[in-house]
Amino acid sequence: MSPSFDLNKFNEEEDINIFRNPIVESVYEMGSIIKPLTIAAGLDSGSITAQTTYNDKGFLELDGYKISNYDGKGRGVVDMQEVLSQSLNTGVAFAVTEMGSKVFADYMRSFGLTEKTGIDLPNEVSPLIDNLNSPRDIEYATASFGQGIALSPIMTARALSALANNGILTNPHLVKKINYEIGPAKTIEIEEGRRVLKPETADEITRMLVRVVDEALAGGTVKLKNYSVAAKTGTAQMANPKAKGYYEDRFLHSFFGYFPAYNPQFLVFLYTVHPKEVRYASQTLTEPFMDMTKFLINYYEIPPDR
């Protein structure tokens, strides 16, 4: 981990943030990896299907603000699969319009985005999701692609796990049992997760995310012949704490995926804060994710699923 500190002189360290575990103690605007949750909510509510189309002009205006796709370009009439494959901000904003802001916000809450995960680590922070209570449409539109709401990495991974886990939200833990030097051991009770999506919704969003990997991620060049992999990248603008708005040149890159997609054994979540001299997460995290995927498949001898 970097930056580090001297274990023999940790009391002399001036920056207390160096001792933080950002997985549970920091929150970030996660960007486009939230889009699968938005599309899943639309599918589950019956507001959209994977084949639902809209006319993408490259931008839209809400409450006096302009929302654009990452490249500012319009695609014309496209369906919801292309919204995920091409990571279109206007497309998930359209999905929110179709389901309504209240329904969208209720689904985001059901994914656990308004609560701590309860993971057995100290100092877990709460999310910053006040925008899900806003009277303005713009706040829900930006939340649909992961801006304007701030979540911890573990909270984000937990929410996304529902897509892989047949629509059931998991309750993350690190250990099964704690043995104390004095007193009885403590067994960690694994609570049964709650259902947040219909099984058929989880199957459909998984199918869509597999197509993202097979056809769109790195132009389809990272597709695994014998294994289905469901994944999505995220590139988010970073808020400027010293001024209103966002940095023009600082981004948070994120990447999540699970495999084998229809009977997942692993979910991998990666993120990088303010990578230098590169813009998109697909450029920084695709290769590490695929390397990790191949390693885990080989190490655990996971049988092919296609």
C-alpha atoms as a PDB file:
ATOM      1  CA  MET A   1       0.000   0.000   0.000  1.00  0.00           C
ATOM      2  CA  SER A   2       1.268   3.455  -0.813  1.00  0.00           C
ATOM      3  CA  PRO A   3       1.791   5.875   0.792  1.00  0.00           C
ATOM      4  CA  SER A   4       2.989   3.888   3.794  1.00  0.00           C
ATOM      5  CA  PHE A   5       4.208   4.722   7.292  1.00  0.00           C
ATOM      6  CA  ASP A   6       6.884   3.556   9.715  1.00  0.00           C
ATOM      7  CA  LEU A   7       5.358   0.876  11.931  1.00  0.00           C
ATOM      8  CA  ASN A   8       7.951   1.663  14.586  1.00  0.00           C
ATOM      9  CA  LYS A   9       6.993   5.339  14.629  1.00  0.00           C
ATOM     10  CA  PHE A  10       3.328   5.355  13.613  1.00  0.00           C
ATOM     11  CA  ASN A  11       2.582   7.876  16.394  1.00  0.00           C
ATOM     12  CA  GLU A  12       4.763  10.405  14.576  1.00  0.00           C
ATOM     13  CA  GLU A  13       2.716  10.235  11.377  1.00  0.00           C
ATOM     14  CA  GLU A  14       1.041  13.615  10.793  1.00  0.00           C
ATOM     15  CA  ASP A  15      -1.552  12.549   8.218  1.00  0.00           C
ATOM     16  CA  ILE A  16      -4.227  10.504   9.995  1.00  0.00           C
ATOM     17  CA  ASN A  17      -5.799   9.584   6.645  1.00  0.00           C
ATOM     18  CA  ILE A  18      -2.917   7.224   6.009  1.00  0.00           C
ATOM     19  CA  PHE A  19      -4.406   4.843   8.572  1.00  0.00           C
ATOM     20  CA  ARG A  20      -7.807   4.732   6.889  1.00  0.00           C
ATOM     21  CA  ASN A  21      -9.127   1.665   5.114  1.00  0.00           C
ATOM     22  CA  PRO A  22     -10.716   3.322   2.058  1.00  0.00           C
ATOM     23  CA  ILE A  23     -12.684   0.175   1.176  1.00  0.00           C
ATOM     24  CA  VAL A  24     -14.996   0.880   4.126  1.00  0.00           C
ATOM     25  CA  GLU A  25     -13.985   4.335   5.383  1.00  0.00           C
ATOM     26  CA  SER A  26     -14.127   6.425   2.204  1.00  0.00           C
ATOM     27  CA  VAL A  27     -16.902   7.262  -0.230  1.00  0.00           C
ATOM     28  CA  TYR A  28     -16.635   8.038  -3.923  1.00  0.00           C
ATOM     29  CA  GLU A  29     -18.890   8.917  -6.824  1.00  0.00           C
ATOM     30  CA  MET A  30     -18.594   5.594  -8.636  1.00  0.00           C
ATOM     31  CA  GLY A  31     -19.681   6.469 -12.144  1.00  0.00           C
ATOM     32  CA  SER A  32     -20.911   4.050 -14.788  1.00  0.00           C
ATOM     33  CA  ILE A  33     -20.730   0.814 -12.788  1.00  0.00           C
ATOM     34  CA  ILE A  34     -24.009   2.082 -11.271  1.00  0.00           C
ATOM     35  CA  LYS A  35     -25.655   1.862 -14.707  1.00  0.00           C
ATOM     36  CA  PRO A  36     -26.354  -1.898 -14.447  1.00  0.00           C
ATOM     37  CA  LEU A  37     -28.268  -1.218 -11.212  1.00  0.00           C
ATOM     38  CA  THR A  38     -30.335   1.436 -12.990  1.00  0.00           C
ATOM     39  CA  ILE A  39     -31.101  -0.812 -15.949  1.00  0.00           C
ATOM     40  CA  ALA A  40     -31.895  -3.699 -13.589  1.00  0.00           C
ATOM     41  CA  ALA A  41     -34.365  -1.476 -11.731  1.00  0.00           C
ATOM     42  CA  GLY A  42     -36.022  -0.549 -15.017  1.00  0.00           C
ATOM     43  CA  LEU A  43     -36.245  -4.186 -16.087  1.00  0.00           C
ATOM     44  CA  ASP A  44     -37.534  -5.364 -12.724  1.00  0.00           C
ATOM     45  CA  SER A  45     -40.223  -2.663 -12.544  1.00  0.00           C
ATOM     46  CA  GLY A  46     -41.440  -3.531 -16.031  1.00  0.00           C
ATOM     47  CA  SER A  47     -40.661  -0.020 -17.278  1.00  0.00           C
ATOM     48  CA  ILE A  48     -38.170  -1.139 -19.939  1.00  0.00           C
ATOM     49  CA  THR A  49     -36.834  -4.264 -21.624  1.00  0.00           C
ATOM     50  CA  ALA A  50     -33.442  -4.911 -23.159  1.00  0.00           C
ATOM     51  CA  GLN A  51     -35.049  -4.123 -26.527  1.00  0.00           C
ATOM     52  CA  THR A  52     -36.632  -0.800 -25.460  1.00  0.00           C
ATOM     53  CA  THR A  53     -35.332   2.001 -27.682  1.00  0.00           C
ATOM     54  CA  TYR A  54     -34.917   5.759 -27.389  1.00  0.00           C
ATOM     55  CA  ASN A  55     -33.497   8.469 -29.621  1.00  0.00           C
ATOM     56  CA  ASP A  56     -30.029   9.331 -28.326  1.00  0.00           C
ATOM     57  CA  LYS A  57     -29.119  12.891 -29.311  1.00  0.00           C
ATOM     58  CA  GLY A  58     -25.907  12.783 -27.280  1.00  0.00           C
ATOM     59  CA  PHE A  59     -27.283  15.071 -24.596  1.00  0.00           C
ATOM     60  CA  LEU A  60     -30.410  16.060 -22.732  1.00  0.00           C
ATOM     61  CA  GLU A  61     -31.423  19.056 -20.629  1.00  0.00           C
ATOM     62  CA  LEU A  62     -33.097  18.867 -17.220  1.00  0.00           C
ATOM     63  CA  ASP A  63     -33.791  21.676 -14.744  1.00  0.00           C
ATOM     64  CA  GLY A  64     -31.534  24.021 -16.679  1.00  0.00           C
ATOM     65  CA  TYR A  65     -28.596  21.596 -16.729  1.00  0.00           C
ATOM     66  CA  LYS A  66     -27.139  19.647 -19.636  1.00  0.00           C
ATOM     67  CA  ILE A  67     -26.244  15.955 -19.420  1.00  0.00           C
ATOM     68  CA  SER A  68     -24.053  14.510 -22.151  1.00  0.00           C
ATOM     69  CA  ASN A  69     -22.627  11.157 -23.097  1.00  0.00           C
ATOM     70  CA  TYR A  70     -18.943  10.666 -22.299  1.00  0.00           C
ATOM     71  CA  ASP A  71     -18.005  11.759 -25.832  1.00  0.00           C
ATOM     72  CA  GLY A  72     -20.894  14.182 -26.386  1.00  0.00           C
ATOM     73  CA  LYS A  73     -22.014  12.233 -29.454  1.00  0.00           C
ATOM     74  CA  GLY A  74     -25.486  10.956 -30.280  1.00  0.00           C
ATOM     75  CA  ARG A  75     -26.154   7.435 -31.540  1.00  0.00           C
ATOM     76  CA  GLY A  76     -29.653   7.881 -32.903  1.00  0.00           C
ATOM     77  CA  VAL A  77     -32.213   5.185 -32.068  1.00  0.00           C
ATOM     78  CA  VAL A  78     -30.571   2.588 -29.801  1.00  0.00           C
ATOM     79  CA  ASP A  79     -31.808  -0.032 -27.344  1.00  0.00           C
ATOM     80  CA  MET A  80     -30.978  -0.626 -23.686  1.00  0.00           C
ATOM     81  CA  GLN A  81     -28.319  -3.195 -24.540  1.00  0.00           C
ATOM     82  CA  GLU A  82     -26.414  -0.495 -26.364  1.00  0.00           C
ATOM     83  CA  VAL A  83     -26.873   1.803 -23.376  1.00  0.00           C
ATOM     84  CA  LEU A  84     -24.746  -0.633 -21.368  1.00  0.00           C
ATOM     85  CA  SER A  85     -22.423  -1.639 -24.199  1.00  0.00           C
ATOM     86  CA  GLN A  86     -21.643   1.979 -25.122  1.00  0.00           C
ATOM     87  CA  SER A  87     -22.133   3.326 -21.560  1.00  0.00           C
ATOM     88  CA  LEU A  88     -24.605   6.048 -22.532  1.00  0.00           C
ATOM     89  CA  ASN A  89     -25.515   8.548 -19.809  1.00  0.00           C
ATOM     90  CA  THR A  90     -28.565   9.677 -21.721  1.00  0.00           C
ATOM     91  CA  GLY A  91     -29.809   6.093 -21.898  1.00  0.00           C
ATOM     92  CA  VAL A  92     -29.895   5.432 -18.170  1.00  0.00           C
ATOM     93  CA  ALA A  93     -31.436   8.867 -17.640  1.00  0.00           C
ATOM     94  CA  PHE A  94     -34.127   7.783 -20.119  1.00  0.00           C
ATOM     95  CA  ALA A  95     -34.650   4.588 -18.089  1.00  0.00           C
ATOM     96  CA  VAL A  96     -35.220   6.682 -14.955  1.00  0.00           C
ATOM     97  CA  THR A  97     -37.771   8.785 -16.821  1.00  0.00           C
ATOM     98  CA  GLU A  98     -39.598   5.631 -17.890  1.00  0.00           C
ATOM     99  CA  MET A  99     -39.803   4.180 -14.371  1.00  0.00           C
ATOM    100  CA  GLY A 100     -40.204   7.492 -12.501  1.00  0.00           C
ATOM    101  CA  SER A 101     -37.850   9.038  -9.962  1.00  0.00           C
ATOM    102  CA  LYS A 102     -39.633   7.553  -6.936  1.00  0.00           C
ATOM    103  CA  VAL A 103     -39.490   3.994  -8.263  1.00  0.00           C
ATOM    104  CA  PHE A 104     -35.829   4.481  -9.206  1.00  0.00           C
ATOM    105  CA  ALA A 105     -34.941   5.851  -5.751  1.00  0.00           C
ATOM    106  CA  ASP A 106     -36.814   3.012  -4.042  1.00  0.00           C
ATOM    107  CA  TYR A 107     -34.781   0.455  -5.989  1.00  0.00           C
ATOM    108  CA  MET A 108     -31.518   2.216  -5.126  1.00  0.00           C
ATOM    109  CA  ARG A 109     -32.489   2.035  -1.465  1.00  0.00           C
ATOM    110  CA  SER A 110     -33.382  -1.640  -1.807  1.00  0.00           C
ATOM    111  CA  PHE A 111     -29.879  -2.275  -3.169  1.00  0.00           C
ATOM    112  CA  GLY A 112     -28.563  -1.121   0.207  1.00  0.00           C
ATOM    113  CA  LEU A 113     -27.226   2.203  -1.032  1.00  0.00           C
ATOM    114  CA  THR A 114     -28.661   4.086   1.943  1.00  0.00           C
ATOM    115  CA  GLU A 115     -27.268   1.831   4.671  1.00  0.00           C
ATOM    116  CA  LYS A 116     -24.018   0.450   6.012  1.00  0.00           C
ATOM    117  CA  THR A 117     -23.196  -3.096   4.971  1.00  0.00           C
ATOM    118  CA  GLY A 118     -22.397  -4.268   8.503  1.00  0.00           C
ATOM    119  CA  ILE A 119     -19.125  -5.828   7.402  1.00  0.00           C
ATOM    120  CA  ASP A 120     -16.881  -6.879  10.298  1.00  0.00           C
ATOM    121  CA  LEU A 121     -14.419  -4.015   9.922  1.00  0.00           C
ATOM    122  CA  PRO A 122     -14.189  -0.841  12.044  1.00  0.00           C
ATOM    123  CA  ASN A 123     -15.278   2.678  11.135  1.00  0.00           C
ATOM    124  CA  GLU A 124     -17.600   1.886   8.252  1.00  0.00           C
ATOM    125  CA  VAL A 125     -18.932   5.141   6.817  1.00  0.00           C
ATOM    126  CA  SER A 126     -22.440   6.017   5.719  1.00  0.00           C
ATOM    127  CA  PRO A 127     -23.214   6.845   2.079  1.00  0.00           C
ATOM    128  CA  LEU A 128     -23.932  10.335   0.781  1.00  0.00           C
ATOM    129  CA  ILE A 129     -27.207   9.885  -1.064  1.00  0.00           C
ATOM    130  CA  ASP A 130     -29.276  12.993  -0.296  1.00  0.00           C
ATOM    131  CA  ASN A 131     -29.784  13.472  -4.042  1.00  0.00           C
ATOM    132  CA  LEU A 132     -32.175  10.510  -3.976  1.00  0.00           C
ATOM    133  CA  ASN A 133     -34.529  12.718  -1.950  1.00  0.00           C
ATOM    134  CA  SER A 134     -34.385  15.706  -4.284  1.00  0.00           C
ATOM    135  CA  PRO A 135     -37.462  17.305  -5.885  1.00  0.00           C
ATOM    136  CA  ARG A 136     -35.443  17.912  -9.079  1.00  0.00           C
ATOM    137  CA  ASP A 137     -35.229  15.437 -11.952  1.00  0.00           C
ATOM    138  CA  ILE A 138     -31.578  16.270 -12.611  1.00  0.00           C
ATOM    139  CA  GLU A 139     -30.421  14.635  -9.373  1.00  0.00           C
ATOM    140  CA  TYR A 140     -32.003  11.299 -10.271  1.00  0.00           C
ATOM    141  CA  ALA A 141     -30.628  11.470 -13.809  1.00  0.00           C
ATOM    142  CA  THR A 142     -27.054  11.969 -12.573  1.00  0.00           C
ATOM    143  CA  ALA A 143     -27.483   9.290  -9.901  1.00  0.00           C
ATOM    144  CA  SER A 144     -28.483   6.857 -12.656  1.00  0.00           C
ATOM    145  CA  PHE A 145     -24.905   6.957 -13.933  1.00  0.00           C
ATOM    146  CA  GLY A 146     -23.206   7.175 -10.560  1.00  0.00           C
ATOM    147  CA  GLN A 147     -22.620  10.914 -10.126  1.00  0.00           C
ATOM    148  CA  GLY A 148     -24.005  13.036  -7.301  1.00  0.00           C
ATOM    149  CA  ILE A 149     -24.173  10.084  -4.907  1.00  0.00           C
ATOM    150  CA  ALA A 150     -21.108   8.836  -3.027  1.00  0.00           C
ATOM    151  CA  LEU A 151     -20.662   5.249  -1.870  1.00  0.00           C
ATOM    152  CA  SER A 152     -17.951   3.188  -0.240  1.00  0.00           C
ATOM    153  CA  PRO A 153     -16.344   0.452  -2.377  1.00  0.00           C
ATOM    154  CA  ILE A 154     -17.713  -2.325  -0.160  1.00  0.00           C
ATOM    155  CA  MET A 155     -21.209  -0.839  -0.365  1.00  0.00           C
ATOM    156  CA  THR A 156     -20.956  -0.661  -4.152  1.00  0.00           C
ATOM    157  CA  ALA A 157     -19.680  -4.224  -4.448  1.00  0.00           C
ATOM    158  CA  ARG A 158     -22.493  -5.439  -2.206  1.00  0.00           C
ATOM    159  CA  ALA A 159     -25.156  -3.744  -4.341  1.00  0.00           C
ATOM    160  CA  LEU A 160     -23.699  -5.157  -7.544  1.00  0.00           C
ATOM    161  CA  SER A 161     -23.552  -8.624  -5.998  1.00  0.00           C
ATOM    162  CA  ALA A 162     -27.345  -8.790  -6.236  1.00  0.00           C
ATOM    163  CA  LEU A 163     -27.010  -8.966 -10.022  1.00  0.00           C
ATOM    164  CA  ALA A 164     -24.739 -12.001  -9.713  1.00  0.00           C
ATOM    165  CA  ASN A 165     -26.585 -13.615  -6.801  1.00  0.00           C
ATOM    166  CA  ASN A 166     -29.908 -14.321  -8.521  1.00  0.00           C
ATOM    167  CA  GLY A 167     -31.348 -11.013  -7.279  1.00  0.00           C
ATOM    168  CA  ILE A 168     -30.514 -11.532  -3.599  1.00  0.00           C
ATOM    169  CA  LEU A 169     -28.444  -8.934  -1.748  1.00  0.00           C
ATOM    170  CA  THR A 170     -25.497 -10.442   0.126  1.00  0.00           C
ATOM    171  CA  ASN A 171     -24.219  -9.505   3.589  1.00  0.00           C
ATOM    172  CA  PRO A 172     -20.419  -9.283   3.396  1.00  0.00           C
ATOM    173  CA  HIS A 173     -18.105 -10.705   6.068  1.00  0.00           C
ATOM    174  CA  LEU A 174     -14.373 -11.356   6.298  1.00  0.00           C
ATOM    175  CA  VAL A 175     -14.281 -14.250   8.743  1.00  0.00           C
ATOM    176  CA  LYS A 176     -16.452 -17.120   9.949  1.00  0.00           C
ATOM    177  CA  LYS A 177     -15.154 -17.241  13.519  1.00  0.00           C
ATOM    178  CA  ILE A 178     -13.083 -15.168  15.955  1.00  0.00           C
ATOM    179  CA  ASN A 179     -11.036 -16.960  18.635  1.00  0.00           C
ATOM    180  CA  TYR A 180     -10.235 -14.731  21.607  1.00  0.00           C
ATOM    181  CA  GLU A 181      -7.319 -15.331  23.983  1.00  0.00           C
ATOM    182  CA  ILE A 182      -9.720 -14.845  26.876  1.00  0.00           C
ATOM    183  CA  GLY A 183     -13.340 -15.915  26.759  1.00  0.00           C
ATOM    184  CA  PRO A 184     -15.388 -17.968  24.317  1.00  0.00           C
ATOM    185  CA  ALA A 185     -14.963 -17.802  20.566  1.00  0.00           C
ATOM    186  CA  LYS A 186     -17.405 -15.747  18.517  1.00  0.00           C
ATOM    187  CA  THR A 187     -19.056 -17.318  15.496  1.00  0.00           C
ATOM    188  CA  ILE A 188     -20.075 -14.808  12.833  1.00  0.00           C
ATOM    189  CA  GLU A 189     -23.701 -15.356  11.924  1.00  0.00           C
ATOM    190  CA  ILE A 190     -24.256 -15.138   8.179  1.00  0.00           C
ATOM    191  CA  GLU A 191     -27.611 -13.476   7.727  1.00  0.00           C
ATOM    192  CA  GLU A 192     -29.767 -14.505   4.828  1.00  0.00           C
ATOM    193  CA  GLY A 193     -29.832 -11.760   2.233  1.00  0.00           C
ATOM    194  CA  ARG A 194     -33.028 -10.112   1.078  1.00  0.00           C
ATOM    195  CA  ARG A 195     -34.393 -10.423  -2.419  1.00  0.00           C
ATOM    196  CA  VAL A 196     -34.175  -7.122  -4.331  1.00  0.00           C
ATOM    197  CA  LEU A 197     -34.687  -8.340  -7.916  1.00  0.00           C
ATOM    198  CA  LYS A 198     -36.751 -11.071  -9.515  1.00  0.00           C
ATOM    199  CA  PRO A 199     -34.642 -14.078 -10.628  1.00  0.00           C
ATOM    200  CA  GLU A 200     -35.562 -13.422 -14.254  1.00  0.00           C
ATOM    201  CA  THR A 201     -34.328  -9.823 -13.929  1.00  0.00           C
ATOM    202  CA  ALA A 202     -30.979 -11.016 -12.591  1.00  0.00           C
ATOM    203  CA  ASP A 203     -30.728 -13.449 -15.524  1.00  0.00           C
ATOM    204  CA  GLU A 204     -31.532 -10.709 -18.052  1.00  0.00           C
ATOM    205  CA  ILE A 205     -29.091  -8.116 -16.708  1.00  0.00           C
ATOM    206  CA  THR A 206     -26.426 -10.833 -16.554  1.00  0.00           C
ATOM    207  CA  ARG A 207     -27.069 -11.693 -20.191  1.00  0.00           C
ATOM    208  CA  MET A 208     -26.712  -8.010 -21.080  1.00  0.00           C
ATOM    209  CA  LEU A 209     -23.449  -7.675 -19.152  1.00  0.00           C
ATOM    210  CA  VAL A 210     -22.043 -10.786 -20.825  1.00  0.00           C
ATOM    211  CA  ARG A 211     -22.691  -9.125 -24.180  1.00  0.00           C
ATOM    212  CA  VAL A 212     -20.805  -6.063 -22.911  1.00  0.00           C
ATOM    213  CA  VAL A 213     -17.723  -8.249 -22.418  1.00  0.00           C
ATOM    214  CA  ASP A 214     -18.165 -10.416 -25.511  1.00  0.00           C
ATOM    215  CA  GLU A 215     -18.850  -7.600 -27.942  1.00  0.00           C
ATOM    216  CA  ALA A 216     -17.962  -4.168 -26.537  1.00  0.00           C
ATOM    217  CA  LEU A 217     -15.167  -4.356 -23.937  1.00  0.00           C
ATOM    218  CA  ALA A 218     -11.895  -3.711 -25.783  1.00  0.00           C
ATOM    219  CA  GLY A 219     -13.829  -4.278 -28.997  1.00  0.00           C
ATOM    220  CA  GLY A 220     -14.658  -7.845 -27.973  1.00  0.00           C
ATOM    221  CA  THR A 221     -11.002  -8.894 -27.934  1.00  0.00           C
ATOM    222  CA  VAL A 222     -11.039 -10.009 -24.278  1.00  0.00           C
ATOM    223  CA  LYS A 223     -13.935 -12.457 -24.660  1.00  0.00           C
ATOM    224  CA  LEU A 224     -13.151 -15.861 -23.154  1.00  0.00           C
ATOM    225  CA  LYS A 225     -14.098 -18.674 -25.498  1.00  0.00           C
ATOM    226  CA  ASN A 226     -15.103 -21.184 -22.815  1.00  0.00           C
ATOM    227  CA  TYR A 227     -16.264 -18.904 -19.989  1.00  0.00           C
ATOM    228  CA  SER A 228     -19.032 -16.331 -19.709  1.00  0.00           C
ATOM    229  CA  VAL A 229     -17.974 -13.143 -17.929  1.00  0.00           C
ATOM    230  CA  ALA A 230     -20.372 -10.318 -16.973  1.00  0.00           C
ATOM    231  CA  ALA A 231     -18.725  -6.947 -16.396  1.00  0.00           C
ATOM    232  CA  LYS A 232     -18.971  -3.158 -16.625  1.00  0.00           C
ATOM    233  CA  THR A 233     -16.472  -0.302 -16.392  1.00  0.00           C
ATOM    234  CA  GLY A 234     -16.970   3.058 -14.701  1.00  0.00           C
ATOM    235  CA  THR A 235     -15.327   6.447 -15.178  1.00  0.00           C
ATOM    236  CA  ALA A 236     -16.483   9.196 -12.820  1.00  0.00           C
ATOM    237  CA  GLN A 237     -15.542  12.838 -12.519  1.00  0.00           C
ATOM    238  CA  MET A 238     -14.074  13.606  -9.106  1.00  0.00           C
ATOM    239  CA  ALA A 239     -15.623  16.354  -7.018  1.00  0.00           C
ATOM    240  CA  ASN A 240     -13.411  19.335  -6.204  1.00  0.00           C
ATOM    241  CA  PRO A 241     -13.625  19.858  -2.409  1.00  0.00           C
ATOM    242  CA  LYS A 242     -12.187  23.381  -2.726  1.00  0.00           C
ATOM    243  CA  ALA A 243     -14.714  24.600  -5.276  1.00  0.00           C
ATOM    244  CA  LYS A 244     -18.226  23.878  -6.448  1.00  0.00           C
ATOM    245  CA  GLY A 245     -18.355  21.234  -9.148  1.00  0.00           C
ATOM    246  CA  TYR A 246     -15.814  18.767 -10.489  1.00  0.00           C
ATOM    247  CA  TYR A 247     -12.205  18.642 -11.568  1.00  0.00           C
ATOM    248  CA  GLU A 248     -11.741  18.740 -15.310  1.00  0.00           C
ATOM    249  CA  ASP A 249      -8.781  16.362 -15.234  1.00  0.00           C
ATOM    250  CA  ARG A 250      -9.343  14.000 -12.305  1.00  0.00           C
ATOM    251  CA  PHE A 251     -11.326  10.795 -12.512  1.00  0.00           C
ATOM    252  CA  LEU A 252     -12.146   7.698 -10.534  1.00  0.00           C
ATOM    253  CA  HIS A 253     -11.893   4.482 -12.514  1.00  0.00           C
ATOM    254  CA  SER A 254     -13.863   1.409 -11.465  1.00  0.00           C
ATOM    255  CA  PHE A 255     -14.513  -2.054 -12.844  1.00  0.00           C
ATOM    256  CA  PHE A 256     -16.668  -4.915 -11.636  1.00  0.00           C
ATOM    257  CA  GLY A 257     -17.428  -8.324 -13.016  1.00  0.00           C
ATOM    258  CA  TYR A 258     -18.475 -11.833 -12.070  1.00  0.00           C
ATOM    259  CA  PHE A 259     -17.871 -15.270 -13.522  1.00  0.00           C
ATOM    260  CA  PRO A 260     -18.889 -17.782 -14.661  1.00  0.00           C
ATOM    261  CA  ALA A 261     -21.711 -15.371 -15.314  1.00  0.00           C
ATOM    262  CA  TYR A 262     -24.688 -17.704 -14.873  1.00  0.00           C
ATOM    263  CA  ASN A 263     -23.290 -19.575 -11.857  1.00  0.00           C
ATOM    264  CA  PRO A 264     -20.823 -17.085 -10.366  1.00  0.00           C
ATOM    265  CA  GLN A 265     -17.967 -18.255  -8.173  1.00  0.00           C
ATOM    266  CA  PHE A 266     -16.284 -14.843  -7.912  1.00  0.00           C
ATOM    267  CA  LEU A 267     -17.153 -11.164  -8.079  1.00  0.00           C
ATOM    268  CA  VAL A 268     -14.195  -8.853  -8.644  1.00  0.00           C
ATOM    269  CA  PHE A 269     -14.354  -5.122  -7.937  1.00  0.00           C
ATOM    270  CA  LEU A 270     -11.440  -2.804  -8.791  1.00  0.00           C
ATOM    271  CA  TYR A 271     -11.043   0.948  -8.544  1.00  0.00           C
ATOM    272  CA  THR A 272      -8.314   3.537  -9.020  1.00  0.00           C
ATOM    273  CA  VAL A 273      -8.409   7.092  -7.691  1.00  0.00           C
ATOM    274  CA  HIS A 274      -7.053   9.805 -10.003  1.00  0.00           C
ATOM    275  CA  PRO A 275      -4.972   7.718 -12.436  1.00  0.00           C
ATOM    276  CA  LYS A 276      -2.495   9.843 -14.346  1.00  0.00           C
ATOM    277  CA  GLU A 277      -2.399  10.546 -18.071  1.00  0.00           C
ATOM    278  CA  VAL A 278      -5.362   8.335 -18.973  1.00  0.00           C
ATOM    279  CA  ARG A 279      -9.080   9.092 -19.159  1.00  0.00           C
ATOM    280  CA  TYR A 280     -11.178   5.930 -19.152  1.00  0.00           C
ATOM    281  CA  ALA A 281     -11.397   2.903 -16.858  1.00  0.00           C
ATOM    282  CA  SER A 282     -11.438   0.584 -19.854  1.00  0.00           C
ATOM    283  CA  GLN A 283      -7.863   1.719 -20.501  1.00  0.00           C
ATOM    284  CA  THR A 284      -6.582   1.103 -16.979  1.00  0.00           C
ATOM    285  CA  LEU A 285      -8.573  -1.760 -15.444  1.00  0.00           C
ATOM    286  CA  THR A 286      -9.609  -4.102 -18.272  1.00  0.00           C
ATOM    287  CA  GLU A 287      -6.280  -5.906 -18.390  1.00  0.00           C
ATOM    288  CA  PRO A 288      -5.933  -6.284 -14.569  1.00  0.00           C
ATOM    289  CA  PHE A 289      -9.498  -7.579 -14.358  1.00  0.00           C
ATOM    290  CA  MET A 290      -9.044 -10.121 -17.123  1.00  0.00           C
ATOM    291  CA  ASP A 291      -5.685 -11.243 -15.680  1.00  0.00           C
ATOM    292  CA  MET A 292      -7.328 -11.775 -12.294  1.00  0.00           C
ATOM    293  CA  THR A 293     -10.259 -13.589 -13.885  1.00  0.00           C
ATOM    294  CA  LYS A 294      -7.999 -16.008 -15.762  1.00  0.00           C
ATOM    295  CA  PHE A 295      -5.877 -16.621 -12.669  1.00  0.00           C
ATOM    296  CA  LEU A 296      -8.874 -17.433 -10.474  1.00  0.00           C
ATOM    297  CA  ILE A 297     -10.390 -19.706 -13.114  1.00  0.00           C
ATOM    298  CA  ASN A 298      -7.128 -21.638 -13.422  1.00  0.00           C
ATOM    299  CA  TYR A 299      -6.208 -21.700  -9.742  1.00  0.00           C
ATOM    300  CA  TYR A 300      -9.599 -22.942  -8.588  1.00  0.00           C
ATOM    301  CA  GLU A 301     -10.036 -25.178 -11.643  1.00  0.00           C
ATOM    302  CA  ILE A 302     -13.461 -23.743 -12.461  1.00  0.00           C
ATOM    303  CA  PRO A 303     -15.079 -25.832 -15.198  1.00  0.00           C
ATOM    304  CA  PRO A 304     -16.023 -24.128 -18.485  1.00  0.00           C
ATOM    305  CA  ASP A 305     -19.635 -23.000 -18.845  1.00  0.00           C
ATOM    306  CA  ARG A 306     -19.794 -22.632 -22.606  1.00  0.00           C
END
